[in-house]
């Protein structure tokens, strides 16, 4: 983690702005389901941009970004932080598949529920069929859907095995997959440890982030992967390889039977 930190006064100022912004989001989310899809996307994008600004998260992106809602599209990304969601929404407003435990998060859980997050019960293998149907329905009506096939967050230095179960919905509706590599840097230009959401509570993660002068997040979009004529395991391996190449990381070893994309908690 970078040795540079912000002053206590700056951290308090940021935290105050953050609380006000979250409350604003909760108020907006109460009306969110009644709005048209384009308005929903603009609202989510604007709120996410402001969130990143408040937290001094500087975003840059490159590559093959989806440019039209005429076709369904699934974003497939590696998973480092809860910031991944808002970074992706800033560039490509999408619905996300998340573990059901997020519903219990202070404020963020309610906000996520109100804006159409698709929750999966990680401890119930039978829930895969239901969530795949929900994803397929969302893709069919023109929503972009984002998934994290690693099923858990990592520290950004190692890519974990991509589970294929949630990619079945892309096969069902023949939606192209857009691999997105996500990487965070601290103020010294090193891989950020403060952004990593592993072994820390949400409040603890926020404290780490607020202490940083800034954090840079990079989104690298690889060429889309067609799902036509492919099965979910082929799609998992293709997107995994694309993201590994973008991050210059080794492709993970594959052992054992296929599991849920959101396995039981550690």
Protein backbone atom coordinates (compact mmCIF):
# COMPACT_ATOMS: atom_id res chain seq x y z
CA UNK A 1 0.00 0.00 0.00
CA UNK A 2 1.25 3.48 -0.77
CA UNK A 3 2.86 5.30 2.18
CA UNK A 4 1.10 8.53 1.12
CA UNK A 5 -2.11 9.11 3.09
CA UNK A 6 -4.66 11.89 3.31
CA UNK A 7 -5.15 14.07 6.40
CA UNK A 8 -7.84 13.24 8.95
CA UNK A 9 -9.73 16.39 7.96
CA UNK A 10 -9.77 15.32 4.31
CA UNK A 11 -10.95 11.85 5.27
CA UNK A 12 -13.79 13.29 7.35
CA UNK A 13 -14.80 15.60 4.50
CA UNK A 14 -14.85 12.72 2.02
CA UNK A 15 -16.78 10.48 4.42
CA UNK A 16 -19.40 13.20 4.96
CA UNK A 17 -19.83 13.67 1.22
CA UNK A 18 -20.08 9.90 0.83
CA UNK A 19 -22.88 9.58 3.40
CA UNK A 20 -24.85 12.38 1.73
CA UNK A 21 -24.31 10.77 -1.68
CA UNK A 22 -25.50 7.36 -0.47
CA UNK A 23 -28.62 8.89 1.08
CA UNK A 24 -29.27 10.67 -2.22
CA UNK A 25 -28.89 7.33 -4.01
CA UNK A 26 -31.34 5.64 -1.68
CA UNK A 27 -33.94 8.35 -2.37
CA UNK A 28 -33.39 8.07 -6.13
CA UNK A 29 -33.51 4.26 -6.01
CA UNK A 30 -37.03 4.39 -4.57
CA UNK A 31 -38.21 5.77 -7.94
CA UNK A 32 -35.76 3.77 -10.04
CA UNK A 33 -38.03 0.80 -10.93
CA UNK A 34 -40.70 3.16 -12.33
CA UNK A 35 -38.34 4.88 -14.77
CA UNK A 36 -37.64 3.96 -18.39
CA UNK A 37 -34.58 1.86 -19.14
CA UNK A 38 -32.57 4.73 -20.71
CA UNK A 39 -33.28 6.97 -17.72
CA UNK A 40 -32.28 4.18 -15.33
CA UNK A 41 -28.97 3.75 -17.11
CA UNK A 42 -28.21 7.48 -17.06
CA UNK A 43 -29.12 7.72 -13.38
CA UNK A 44 -26.93 4.76 -12.40
CA UNK A 45 -24.04 6.06 -14.48
CA UNK A 46 -24.24 9.58 -13.04
CA UNK A 47 -24.43 8.30 -9.47
CA UNK A 48 -21.45 5.98 -10.00
CA UNK A 49 -19.34 8.75 -11.55
CA UNK A 50 -20.00 10.92 -8.50
CA UNK A 51 -19.19 8.07 -6.12
CA UNK A 52 -15.79 7.52 -7.73
CA UNK A 53 -15.10 11.25 -7.63
CA UNK A 54 -15.93 11.45 -3.92
CA UNK A 55 -13.59 8.54 -3.19
CA UNK A 56 -10.85 9.99 -5.45
CA UNK A 57 -10.97 6.97 -7.76
CA UNK A 58 -9.54 8.01 -11.14
CA UNK A 59 -10.83 5.83 -13.96
CA UNK A 60 -9.42 5.15 -17.40
CA UNK A 61 -10.59 2.59 -19.93
CA UNK A 62 -9.71 1.25 -23.34
CA UNK A 63 -10.72 -1.39 -25.86
CA UNK A 64 -13.88 -2.83 -27.38
CA UNK A 65 -16.67 -1.25 -25.32
CA UNK A 66 -20.29 -2.20 -26.13
CA UNK A 67 -21.79 0.73 -28.03
CA UNK A 68 -25.42 -0.18 -28.59
CA UNK A 69 -28.30 -1.68 -26.65
CA UNK A 70 -29.78 -3.23 -29.80
CA UNK A 71 -28.15 -6.55 -28.91
CA UNK A 72 -27.90 -8.21 -25.51
CA UNK A 73 -24.40 -8.12 -24.01
CA UNK A 74 -22.75 -9.76 -21.02
CA UNK A 75 -19.70 -8.23 -19.35
CA UNK A 76 -17.31 -10.78 -17.86
CA UNK A 77 -14.70 -9.35 -15.48
CA UNK A 78 -12.13 -10.34 -12.90
CA UNK A 79 -13.06 -9.33 -9.38
CA UNK A 80 -10.87 -7.25 -7.05
CA UNK A 81 -13.13 -4.87 -5.15
CA UNK A 82 -16.69 -3.73 -4.56
CA UNK A 83 -15.52 -0.70 -6.54
CA UNK A 84 -15.53 -2.93 -9.64
CA UNK A 85 -19.31 -2.55 -9.87
CA UNK A 86 -19.34 1.25 -9.91
CA UNK A 87 -16.31 1.46 -12.19
CA UNK A 88 -18.06 -0.72 -14.75
CA UNK A 89 -21.36 1.16 -14.42
CA UNK A 90 -19.51 4.41 -15.12
CA UNK A 91 -18.49 3.06 -18.54
CA UNK A 92 -21.23 0.50 -19.27
CA UNK A 93 -24.39 0.81 -17.14
CA UNK A 94 -25.27 -2.79 -16.36
CA UNK A 95 -27.12 -5.03 -13.97
CA UNK A 96 -24.93 -7.19 -11.77
CA UNK A 97 -25.08 -10.68 -10.38
CA UNK A 98 -24.08 -10.59 -6.72
CA UNK A 99 -24.02 -12.87 -3.69
CA UNK A 100 -27.16 -12.61 -1.60
CA UNK A 101 -25.15 -11.52 1.45
CA UNK A 102 -24.77 -8.07 -0.11
CA UNK A 103 -28.42 -7.44 0.73
CA UNK A 104 -27.34 -7.15 4.40
CA UNK A 105 -24.66 -4.50 3.76
CA UNK A 106 -25.39 -1.17 5.47
CA UNK A 107 -27.08 1.20 2.97
CA UNK A 108 -25.30 -0.34 -0.05
CA UNK A 109 -27.39 -3.51 0.34
CA UNK A 110 -30.68 -1.64 0.12
CA UNK A 111 -29.38 0.47 -2.73
CA UNK A 112 -28.29 -2.64 -4.67
CA UNK A 113 -31.67 -4.29 -4.19
CA UNK A 114 -33.57 -1.22 -5.37
CA UNK A 115 -31.63 -0.87 -8.64
CA UNK A 116 -32.21 -4.39 -9.90
CA UNK A 117 -29.17 -6.36 -8.78
CA UNK A 118 -29.63 -10.08 -9.44
CA UNK A 119 -28.86 -11.97 -6.22
CA UNK A 120 -27.76 -15.58 -6.05
CA UNK A 121 -27.83 -17.88 -3.03
CA UNK A 122 -24.25 -19.19 -2.97
CA UNK A 123 -25.04 -22.12 -0.69
CA UNK A 124 -27.83 -23.45 -2.92
CA UNK A 125 -26.59 -25.19 -6.04
CA UNK A 126 -30.17 -25.39 -7.32
CA UNK A 127 -30.30 -21.59 -7.43
CA UNK A 128 -28.12 -21.60 -10.54
CA UNK A 129 -31.06 -22.46 -12.82
CA UNK A 130 -33.16 -19.61 -11.40
CA UNK A 131 -30.43 -16.99 -11.67
CA UNK A 132 -29.58 -18.05 -15.22
CA UNK A 133 -33.22 -17.57 -16.17
CA UNK A 134 -33.22 -14.13 -14.52
CA UNK A 135 -30.06 -13.18 -16.43
CA UNK A 136 -31.54 -14.44 -19.70
CA UNK A 137 -34.69 -12.38 -19.11
CA UNK A 138 -32.62 -9.26 -18.42
CA UNK A 139 -30.51 -9.77 -21.54
CA UNK A 140 -33.61 -10.36 -23.66
CA UNK A 141 -35.15 -7.00 -22.71
CA UNK A 142 -31.93 -5.16 -23.58
CA UNK A 143 -30.18 -4.89 -20.24
CA UNK A 144 -26.45 -5.44 -20.11
CA UNK A 145 -25.53 -7.89 -17.36
CA UNK A 146 -22.13 -8.14 -15.67
CA UNK A 147 -20.78 -11.23 -13.91
CA UNK A 148 -17.60 -12.08 -12.01
CA UNK A 149 -16.88 -15.73 -12.86
CA UNK A 150 -14.10 -16.04 -10.27
CA UNK A 151 -16.91 -16.02 -7.72
CA UNK A 152 -14.89 -14.13 -5.13
CA UNK A 153 -12.50 -11.21 -4.93
CA UNK A 154 -8.74 -11.52 -5.31
CA UNK A 155 -5.78 -9.25 -4.63
CA UNK A 156 -5.29 -8.29 -8.27
CA UNK A 157 -1.97 -10.12 -8.65
CA UNK A 158 -3.41 -13.55 -9.46
CA UNK A 159 -6.31 -14.53 -11.70
CA UNK A 160 -8.54 -17.22 -10.23
CA UNK A 161 -10.38 -20.01 -12.05
CA UNK A 162 -13.42 -18.81 -14.02
CA UNK A 163 -16.51 -20.88 -13.20
CA UNK A 164 -18.82 -21.38 -16.16
CA UNK A 165 -22.26 -21.81 -14.59
CA UNK A 166 -23.54 -18.24 -15.01
CA UNK A 167 -22.41 -18.08 -18.63
CA UNK A 168 -25.17 -20.52 -19.61
CA UNK A 169 -27.55 -17.57 -19.90
CA UNK A 170 -25.37 -16.01 -22.61
CA UNK A 171 -25.49 -19.31 -24.52
CA UNK A 172 -29.29 -19.43 -24.18
CA UNK A 173 -29.84 -16.00 -25.78
CA UNK A 174 -26.68 -15.97 -27.94
CA UNK A 175 -25.38 -12.83 -26.25
CA UNK A 176 -21.80 -11.76 -26.99
CA UNK A 177 -19.43 -11.68 -24.03
CA UNK A 178 -17.19 -8.67 -23.40
CA UNK A 179 -14.15 -9.60 -21.27
CA UNK A 180 -13.09 -6.74 -18.98
CA UNK A 181 -9.77 -6.75 -17.12
CA UNK A 182 -9.81 -4.62 -13.95
CA UNK A 183 -6.70 -3.34 -12.22
CA UNK A 184 -6.08 -0.77 -9.45
CA UNK A 185 -2.99 1.35 -8.83
CA UNK A 186 -2.03 3.43 -5.81
CA UNK A 187 -0.44 6.89 -5.77
CA UNK A 188 3.04 5.41 -6.21
CA UNK A 189 1.99 3.53 -9.37
CA UNK A 190 2.04 0.10 -7.70
CA UNK A 191 -0.86 -2.37 -7.60
CA UNK A 192 -3.22 -0.93 -4.98
CA UNK A 193 -3.73 -2.96 -1.82
CA UNK A 194 -6.22 -0.44 -0.43
CA UNK A 195 -8.75 -1.20 -3.18
CA UNK A 196 -8.66 -4.95 -2.55
CA UNK A 197 -11.77 -6.32 -0.85
CA UNK A 198 -10.39 -9.46 0.77
CA UNK A 199 -10.50 -10.26 4.49
CA UNK A 200 -11.95 -6.87 5.41
CA UNK A 201 -15.42 -5.50 6.20
CA UNK A 202 -17.11 -2.94 3.98
CA UNK A 203 -16.48 -0.20 6.54
CA UNK A 204 -12.86 -1.30 6.89
CA UNK A 205 -12.49 -1.20 3.12
CA UNK A 206 -13.95 2.30 3.01
CA UNK A 207 -11.46 3.46 5.65
CA UNK A 208 -8.59 2.09 3.60
CA UNK A 209 -9.82 3.84 0.46
CA UNK A 210 -10.48 7.15 2.20
CA UNK A 211 -6.89 7.18 3.51
CA UNK A 212 -5.45 7.17 0.00
CA UNK A 213 -4.69 10.42 -1.90
CA UNK A 214 -6.20 8.70 -4.90
CA UNK A 215 -6.55 5.29 -6.52
CA UNK A 216 -6.40 4.70 -10.27
CA UNK A 217 -8.64 2.03 -11.78
CA UNK A 218 -8.05 0.72 -15.28
CA UNK A 219 -10.67 -1.15 -17.32
CA UNK A 220 -9.34 -3.02 -20.37
CA UNK A 221 -12.06 -4.28 -22.72
CA UNK A 222 -10.95 -7.16 -24.95
CA UNK A 223 -12.62 -8.07 -28.25
CA UNK A 224 -16.09 -9.57 -27.73
CA UNK A 225 -16.45 -13.35 -27.66
CA UNK A 226 -19.33 -14.77 -29.68
CA UNK A 227 -21.44 -17.32 -27.79
CA UNK A 228 -22.92 -18.77 -30.96
CA UNK A 229 -22.14 -22.47 -31.29
CA UNK A 230 -20.16 -22.57 -28.02
CA UNK A 231 -20.88 -24.07 -24.63
CA UNK A 232 -20.43 -22.30 -21.33
CA UNK A 233 -17.08 -23.91 -20.52
CA UNK A 234 -15.62 -22.78 -23.84
CA UNK A 235 -16.83 -19.27 -23.07
CA UNK A 236 -15.30 -19.40 -19.59
CA UNK A 237 -11.93 -20.43 -20.96
CA UNK A 238 -12.03 -17.82 -23.77
CA UNK A 239 -12.90 -14.91 -21.47
CA UNK A 240 -10.45 -16.11 -18.82
CA UNK A 241 -7.64 -16.18 -21.37
CA UNK A 242 -8.52 -12.71 -22.70
CA UNK A 243 -8.45 -11.18 -19.22
CA UNK A 244 -5.26 -13.01 -18.24
CA UNK A 245 -3.56 -11.68 -21.37
CA UNK A 246 -4.77 -8.13 -20.73
CA UNK A 247 -3.37 -8.23 -17.18
CA UNK A 248 -0.22 -10.17 -18.15
CA UNK A 249 -1.12 -12.85 -15.61
CA UNK A 250 -0.89 -16.64 -15.88
CA UNK A 251 -4.02 -18.52 -16.88
CA UNK A 252 -5.19 -20.40 -13.76
CA UNK A 253 -4.99 -24.18 -13.56
CA UNK A 254 -8.29 -26.02 -13.87
CA UNK A 255 -8.91 -28.85 -11.47
CA UNK A 256 -11.99 -30.67 -10.28
CA UNK A 257 -15.63 -30.48 -11.43
CA UNK A 258 -17.37 -27.28 -12.41
CA UNK A 259 -18.80 -25.30 -9.48
CA UNK A 260 -21.18 -22.41 -8.95
CA UNK A 261 -19.84 -19.05 -10.02
CA UNK A 262 -20.56 -17.85 -6.48
CA UNK A 263 -19.38 -20.74 -4.25
CA UNK A 264 -20.00 -20.93 -0.50
CA UNK A 265 -18.31 -18.25 1.56
CA UNK A 266 -14.73 -18.82 2.61
